[in-house]
Amino acid sequence: MMGFLHAHQASEDAGLYPLVRERAAGDPQGLDVLDRMPRDHDAVAFEVAKVEAAAAALSESGSDDAARATAAALDSLGVVLLPHLREEENEAMPIVSRLIRAREWDALEKVHNLDRSR
């Protein structure tokens, strides 16, 4: 799951949002939303790293303390991730839908998510 989050956000940061930003150049409010997405991704990545470290410690030791630390790391991830997903769904995706076509989305998806040879 943590790998999926990383790959998903990397594909948005490298492919989707740069294209949408280019097309939203005359929309200051839209650009503000798009500017928040990578900042949110950085915060999510920080929390993902904490989950990964806690899960590795839990896998190694199996202790109750490690289990509690993993649960706490997951809770912290949720605090950052869930509002980001809501904002992305409610604010960013309507901008994306307005500015790119389905075939462009499919091409980005192929390059950034489906082509594993990169």
N, C-alpha and C. Protein backbone atom coordinates (compact mmCIF):
# COMPACT_ATOMS: atom_id res chain seq x y z
N MET A 1 0.82 -1.19 0.00
CA MET A 1 0.00 0.00 0.00
C MET A 1 0.87 1.26 0.00
N MET A 2 1.94 1.24 0.78
CA MET A 2 2.80 2.42 0.84
C MET A 2 3.48 2.64 -0.53
N GLY A 3 3.85 1.55 -1.18
CA GLY A 3 4.44 1.66 -2.52
C GLY A 3 3.47 2.25 -3.51
N PHE A 4 2.20 1.84 -3.42
CA PHE A 4 1.17 2.40 -4.30
C PHE A 4 1.04 3.91 -4.08
N LEU A 5 0.99 4.34 -2.82
CA LEU A 5 0.87 5.77 -2.54
C LEU A 5 2.03 6.55 -3.14
N HIS A 6 3.22 6.02 -2.96
CA HIS A 6 4.40 6.68 -3.51
C HIS A 6 4.30 6.78 -5.03
N ALA A 7 4.00 5.67 -5.69
CA ALA A 7 3.93 5.65 -7.16
C ALA A 7 2.81 6.56 -7.66
N HIS A 8 1.67 6.54 -7.00
CA HIS A 8 0.53 7.37 -7.40
C HIS A 8 0.90 8.85 -7.33
N GLN A 9 1.48 9.25 -6.22
CA GLN A 9 1.82 10.66 -6.06
C GLN A 9 2.95 11.07 -7.00
N ALA A 10 3.91 10.19 -7.21
CA ALA A 10 5.00 10.50 -8.14
C ALA A 10 4.47 10.71 -9.55
N SER A 11 3.49 9.89 -9.95
CA SER A 11 2.94 10.03 -11.30
C SER A 11 2.17 11.35 -11.44
N GLU A 12 1.48 11.75 -10.39
CA GLU A 12 0.78 13.03 -10.44
C GLU A 12 1.78 14.18 -10.51
N ASP A 13 2.82 14.12 -9.69
CA ASP A 13 3.80 15.20 -9.64
C ASP A 13 4.62 15.31 -10.92
N ALA A 14 4.92 14.17 -11.55
CA ALA A 14 5.76 14.17 -12.75
C ALA A 14 4.96 14.33 -14.04
N GLY A 15 3.73 13.87 -14.05
CA GLY A 15 2.99 13.86 -15.30
C GLY A 15 1.73 14.70 -15.29
N LEU A 16 0.82 14.37 -14.42
CA LEU A 16 -0.51 14.99 -14.45
C LEU A 16 -0.47 16.47 -14.10
N TYR A 17 0.05 16.81 -12.93
CA TYR A 17 -0.05 18.19 -12.48
C TYR A 17 0.76 19.18 -13.30
N PRO A 18 1.94 18.82 -13.81
CA PRO A 18 2.61 19.79 -14.69
C PRO A 18 1.80 20.14 -15.94
N LEU A 19 1.15 19.14 -16.54
CA LEU A 19 0.32 19.40 -17.72
C LEU A 19 -0.87 20.29 -17.35
N VAL A 20 -1.52 19.98 -16.25
CA VAL A 20 -2.69 20.75 -15.84
C VAL A 20 -2.28 22.17 -15.45
N ARG A 21 -1.16 22.31 -14.75
CA ARG A 21 -0.67 23.65 -14.39
C ARG A 21 -0.44 24.51 -15.62
N GLU A 22 0.15 23.91 -16.63
CA GLU A 22 0.41 24.63 -17.88
C GLU A 22 -0.90 25.17 -18.46
N ARG A 23 -1.92 24.36 -18.43
CA ARG A 23 -3.20 24.75 -19.02
C ARG A 23 -4.03 25.65 -18.11
N ALA A 24 -3.71 25.69 -16.84
CA ALA A 24 -4.46 26.51 -15.89
C ALA A 24 -3.77 27.85 -15.65
N ALA A 25 -2.86 28.22 -16.52
CA ALA A 25 -2.03 29.40 -16.31
C ALA A 25 -2.84 30.67 -16.01
N GLY A 26 -4.01 30.81 -16.58
CA GLY A 26 -4.82 32.00 -16.36
C GLY A 26 -5.82 31.89 -15.23
N ASP A 27 -5.68 30.86 -14.40
CA ASP A 27 -6.64 30.61 -13.33
C ASP A 27 -5.92 30.59 -11.99
N PRO A 28 -5.78 31.76 -11.32
CA PRO A 28 -5.03 31.82 -10.07
C PRO A 28 -5.56 30.88 -8.99
N GLN A 29 -6.88 30.74 -8.89
CA GLN A 29 -7.44 29.84 -7.88
C GLN A 29 -7.10 28.39 -8.21
N GLY A 30 -7.18 28.04 -9.47
CA GLY A 30 -6.82 26.69 -9.89
C GLY A 30 -5.34 26.41 -9.63
N LEU A 31 -4.51 27.39 -9.91
CA LEU A 31 -3.07 27.23 -9.66
C LEU A 31 -2.79 27.07 -8.17
N ASP A 32 -3.54 27.78 -7.34
CA ASP A 32 -3.37 27.64 -5.90
C ASP A 32 -3.66 26.21 -5.46
N VAL A 33 -4.74 25.63 -5.96
CA VAL A 33 -5.07 24.24 -5.65
C VAL A 33 -3.95 23.32 -6.13
N LEU A 34 -3.50 23.52 -7.36
CA LEU A 34 -2.45 22.67 -7.92
C LEU A 34 -1.13 22.83 -7.18
N ASP A 35 -0.85 24.02 -6.65
CA ASP A 35 0.37 24.23 -5.86
C ASP A 35 0.33 23.46 -4.54
N ARG A 36 -0.86 23.28 -3.98
CA ARG A 36 -0.97 22.56 -2.72
C ARG A 36 -0.74 21.06 -2.88
N MET A 37 -1.02 20.52 -4.03
CA MET A 37 -0.93 19.06 -4.20
C MET A 37 0.48 18.52 -3.93
N PRO A 38 1.54 19.07 -4.54
CA PRO A 38 2.88 18.54 -4.24
C PRO A 38 3.31 18.75 -2.79
N ARG A 39 2.88 19.86 -2.19
CA ARG A 39 3.20 20.08 -0.77
C ARG A 39 2.53 19.00 0.08
N ASP A 40 1.28 18.71 -0.25
CA ASP A 40 0.59 17.63 0.46
C ASP A 40 1.30 16.31 0.23
N HIS A 41 1.75 16.08 -1.00
CA HIS A 41 2.46 14.84 -1.30
C HIS A 41 3.72 14.70 -0.45
N ASP A 42 4.41 15.79 -0.23
CA ASP A 42 5.61 15.75 0.61
C ASP A 42 5.24 15.34 2.04
N ALA A 43 4.16 15.90 2.55
CA ALA A 43 3.72 15.56 3.91
C ALA A 43 3.29 14.10 3.99
N VAL A 44 2.59 13.63 2.96
CA VAL A 44 2.18 12.22 2.93
C VAL A 44 3.41 11.32 2.85
N ALA A 45 4.37 11.67 2.02
CA ALA A 45 5.60 10.87 1.87
C ALA A 45 6.33 10.75 3.20
N PHE A 46 6.36 11.83 3.96
CA PHE A 46 7.00 11.81 5.28
C PHE A 46 6.30 10.80 6.19
N GLU A 47 4.97 10.82 6.17
CA GLU A 47 4.21 9.88 7.01
C GLU A 47 4.33 8.45 6.50
N VAL A 48 4.39 8.27 5.20
CA VAL A 48 4.59 6.93 4.63
C VAL A 48 5.92 6.36 5.11
N ALA A 49 6.95 7.19 5.11
CA ALA A 49 8.27 6.72 5.57
C ALA A 49 8.20 6.29 7.03
N LYS A 50 7.44 7.00 7.84
CA LYS A 50 7.28 6.59 9.24
C LYS A 50 6.55 5.26 9.36
N VAL A 51 5.53 5.05 8.53
CA VAL A 51 4.82 3.77 8.54
C VAL A 51 5.75 2.65 8.11
N GLU A 52 6.52 2.87 7.07
CA GLU A 52 7.44 1.84 6.59
C GLU A 52 8.47 1.48 7.65
N ALA A 53 9.01 2.48 8.32
CA ALA A 53 10.00 2.22 9.38
C ALA A 53 9.36 1.47 10.54
N ALA A 54 8.18 1.88 10.93
CA ALA A 54 7.49 1.21 12.04
C ALA A 54 7.13 -0.22 11.67
N ALA A 55 6.67 -0.43 10.45
CA ALA A 55 6.31 -1.78 10.01
C ALA A 55 7.54 -2.69 9.93
N ALA A 56 8.66 -2.13 9.52
CA ALA A 56 9.90 -2.92 9.48
C ALA A 56 10.32 -3.32 10.90
N ALA A 57 10.20 -2.39 11.84
CA ALA A 57 10.54 -2.70 13.23
C ALA A 57 9.58 -3.75 13.79
N LEU A 58 8.31 -3.64 13.44
CA LEU A 58 7.33 -4.63 13.89
C LEU A 58 7.64 -6.00 13.29
N SER A 59 7.99 -6.04 12.03
CA SER A 59 8.33 -7.30 11.38
C SER A 59 9.54 -7.94 12.03
N GLU A 60 10.49 -7.11 12.42
CA GLU A 60 11.73 -7.62 13.03
C GLU A 60 11.50 -8.10 14.45
N SER A 61 10.78 -7.34 15.24
CA SER A 61 10.68 -7.67 16.66
C SER A 61 9.37 -8.34 17.06
N GLY A 62 8.28 -7.94 16.40
CA GLY A 62 6.98 -8.48 16.77
C GLY A 62 6.50 -8.04 18.14
N SER A 63 7.14 -7.06 18.71
CA SER A 63 6.80 -6.64 20.08
C SER A 63 5.51 -5.82 20.11
N ASP A 64 4.93 -5.78 21.30
CA ASP A 64 3.74 -4.94 21.49
C ASP A 64 4.06 -3.47 21.26
N ASP A 65 5.25 -3.04 21.70
CA ASP A 65 5.64 -1.64 21.49
C ASP A 65 5.74 -1.33 20.00
N ALA A 66 6.31 -2.26 19.24
CA ALA A 66 6.43 -2.05 17.80
C ALA A 66 5.05 -2.04 17.14
N ALA A 67 4.14 -2.87 17.63
CA ALA A 67 2.77 -2.88 17.09
C ALA A 67 2.08 -1.55 17.39
N ARG A 68 2.25 -1.05 18.61
CA ARG A 68 1.65 0.24 18.96
C ARG A 68 2.26 1.37 18.11
N ALA A 69 3.56 1.32 17.89
CA ALA A 69 4.22 2.35 17.07
C ALA A 69 3.72 2.30 15.62
N THR A 70 3.49 1.10 15.12
CA THR A 70 2.97 0.97 13.76
C THR A 70 1.55 1.51 13.68
N ALA A 71 0.72 1.19 14.67
CA ALA A 71 -0.64 1.72 14.69
C ALA A 71 -0.63 3.25 14.78
N ALA A 72 0.26 3.79 15.58
CA ALA A 72 0.36 5.25 15.71
C ALA A 72 0.81 5.88 14.39
N ALA A 73 1.76 5.24 13.71
CA ALA A 73 2.23 5.76 12.43
C ALA A 73 1.11 5.72 11.39
N LEU A 74 0.32 4.66 11.40
CA LEU A 74 -0.82 4.58 10.48
C LEU A 74 -1.85 5.66 10.79
N ASP A 75 -2.09 5.90 12.06
CA ASP A 75 -3.02 6.96 12.44
C ASP A 75 -2.51 8.32 11.95
N SER A 76 -1.22 8.57 12.11
CA SER A 76 -0.64 9.84 11.66
C SER A 76 -0.74 9.99 10.14
N LEU A 77 -0.53 8.89 9.44
CA LEU A 77 -0.69 8.92 7.98
C LEU A 77 -2.12 9.30 7.62
N GLY A 78 -3.09 8.71 8.29
CA GLY A 78 -4.49 9.03 8.01
C GLY A 78 -4.82 10.49 8.22
N VAL A 79 -4.23 11.09 9.24
CA VAL A 79 -4.48 12.51 9.54
C VAL A 79 -4.04 13.40 8.38
N VAL A 80 -2.98 13.01 7.69
CA VAL A 80 -2.47 13.79 6.57
C VAL A 80 -3.10 13.35 5.24
N LEU A 81 -3.23 12.05 5.05
CA LEU A 81 -3.67 11.51 3.77
C LEU A 81 -5.16 11.77 3.49
N LEU A 82 -6.01 11.54 4.46
CA LEU A 82 -7.45 11.64 4.19
C LEU A 82 -7.90 13.04 3.78
N PRO A 83 -7.46 14.11 4.45
CA PRO A 83 -7.83 15.45 3.97
C PRO A 83 -7.25 15.74 2.58
N HIS A 84 -6.05 15.24 2.31
CA HIS A 84 -5.46 15.44 0.99
C HIS A 84 -6.32 14.77 -0.08
N LEU A 85 -6.74 13.54 0.17
CA LEU A 85 -7.56 12.83 -0.81
C LEU A 85 -8.89 13.54 -1.05
N ARG A 86 -9.48 14.07 0.01
CA ARG A 86 -10.73 14.83 -0.15
C ARG A 86 -10.50 16.08 -0.99
N GLU A 87 -9.41 16.79 -0.69
CA GLU A 87 -9.10 18.00 -1.45
C GLU A 87 -8.80 17.66 -2.91
N GLU A 88 -8.06 16.61 -3.11
CA GLU A 88 -7.75 16.19 -4.48
C GLU A 88 -9.03 15.86 -5.25
N GLU A 89 -9.90 15.10 -4.61
CA GLU A 89 -11.16 14.69 -5.24
C GLU A 89 -12.09 15.88 -5.48
N ASN A 90 -12.22 16.74 -4.49
CA ASN A 90 -13.20 17.83 -4.57
C ASN A 90 -12.71 19.08 -5.29
N GLU A 91 -11.39 19.32 -5.26
CA GLU A 91 -10.88 20.55 -5.84
C GLU A 91 -9.97 20.34 -7.03
N ALA A 92 -9.01 19.42 -6.93
CA ALA A 92 -8.04 19.25 -8.02
C ALA A 92 -8.63 18.49 -9.21
N MET A 93 -9.35 17.41 -8.94
CA MET A 93 -9.85 16.61 -10.05
C MET A 93 -10.86 17.35 -10.93
N PRO A 94 -11.70 18.23 -10.38
CA PRO A 94 -12.55 19.02 -11.30
C PRO A 94 -11.72 19.91 -12.24
N ILE A 95 -10.61 20.44 -11.75
CA ILE A 95 -9.73 21.24 -12.61
C ILE A 95 -9.12 20.35 -13.67
N VAL A 96 -8.61 19.20 -13.25
CA VAL A 96 -8.03 18.23 -14.19
C VAL A 96 -9.05 17.86 -15.26
N SER A 97 -10.24 17.52 -14.84
CA SER A 97 -11.29 17.09 -15.78
C SER A 97 -11.65 18.18 -16.78
N ARG A 98 -11.54 19.41 -16.36
CA ARG A 98 -11.85 20.53 -17.24
C ARG A 98 -10.75 20.78 -18.26
N LEU A 99 -9.51 20.42 -17.91
CA LEU A 99 -8.38 20.85 -18.73
C LEU A 99 -7.67 19.75 -19.54
N ILE A 100 -7.93 18.50 -19.25
CA ILE A 100 -7.33 17.46 -20.07
C ILE A 100 -8.41 16.49 -20.55
N ARG A 101 -8.12 15.88 -21.69
CA ARG A 101 -9.06 14.93 -22.29
C ARG A 101 -8.74 13.51 -21.81
N ALA A 102 -9.71 12.65 -21.98
CA ALA A 102 -9.57 11.26 -21.55
C ALA A 102 -8.36 10.59 -22.21
N ARG A 103 -8.13 10.85 -23.48
CA ARG A 103 -7.00 10.20 -24.16
C ARG A 103 -5.66 10.71 -23.60
N GLU A 104 -5.62 11.97 -23.19
CA GLU A 104 -4.40 12.50 -22.56
C GLU A 104 -4.19 11.85 -21.20
N TRP A 105 -5.25 11.69 -20.44
CA TRP A 105 -5.18 11.02 -19.14
C TRP A 105 -4.67 9.60 -19.33
N ASP A 106 -5.23 8.91 -20.33
CA ASP A 106 -4.80 7.53 -20.61
C ASP A 106 -3.33 7.47 -20.98
N ALA A 107 -2.86 8.43 -21.77
CA ALA A 107 -1.44 8.46 -22.16
C ALA A 107 -0.55 8.70 -20.94
N LEU A 108 -0.95 9.62 -20.07
CA LEU A 108 -0.18 9.86 -18.84
C LEU A 108 -0.16 8.62 -17.97
N GLU A 109 -1.30 7.98 -17.86
CA GLU A 109 -1.41 6.76 -17.06
C GLU A 109 -0.47 5.67 -17.60
N LYS A 110 -0.44 5.54 -18.91
CA LYS A 110 0.42 4.53 -19.53
C LYS A 110 1.89 4.82 -19.23
N VAL A 111 2.29 6.06 -19.42
CA VAL A 111 3.70 6.42 -19.22
C VAL A 111 4.11 6.32 -17.76
N HIS A 112 3.26 6.82 -16.86
CA HIS A 112 3.68 6.96 -15.47
C HIS A 112 3.26 5.81 -14.57
N ASN A 113 2.29 5.00 -14.98
CA ASN A 113 1.81 3.95 -14.10
C ASN A 113 1.83 2.56 -14.70
N LEU A 114 1.69 2.45 -16.00
CA LEU A 114 1.55 1.13 -16.59
C LEU A 114 2.81 0.62 -17.26
N ASP A 115 3.66 1.51 -17.72
CA ASP A 115 4.89 1.10 -18.40
C ASP A 115 5.98 0.85 -17.36
N ARG A 116 6.15 -0.39 -17.00
CA ARG A 116 7.10 -0.76 -15.95
C ARG A 116 8.54 -0.85 -16.46
N SER A 117 8.76 -0.58 -17.76
CA SER A 117 10.12 -0.64 -18.29
C SER A 117 10.91 0.61 -17.99
N ARG A 118 10.25 1.65 -17.48
CA ARG A 118 10.96 2.91 -17.18
C ARG A 118 11.80 2.75 -15.95
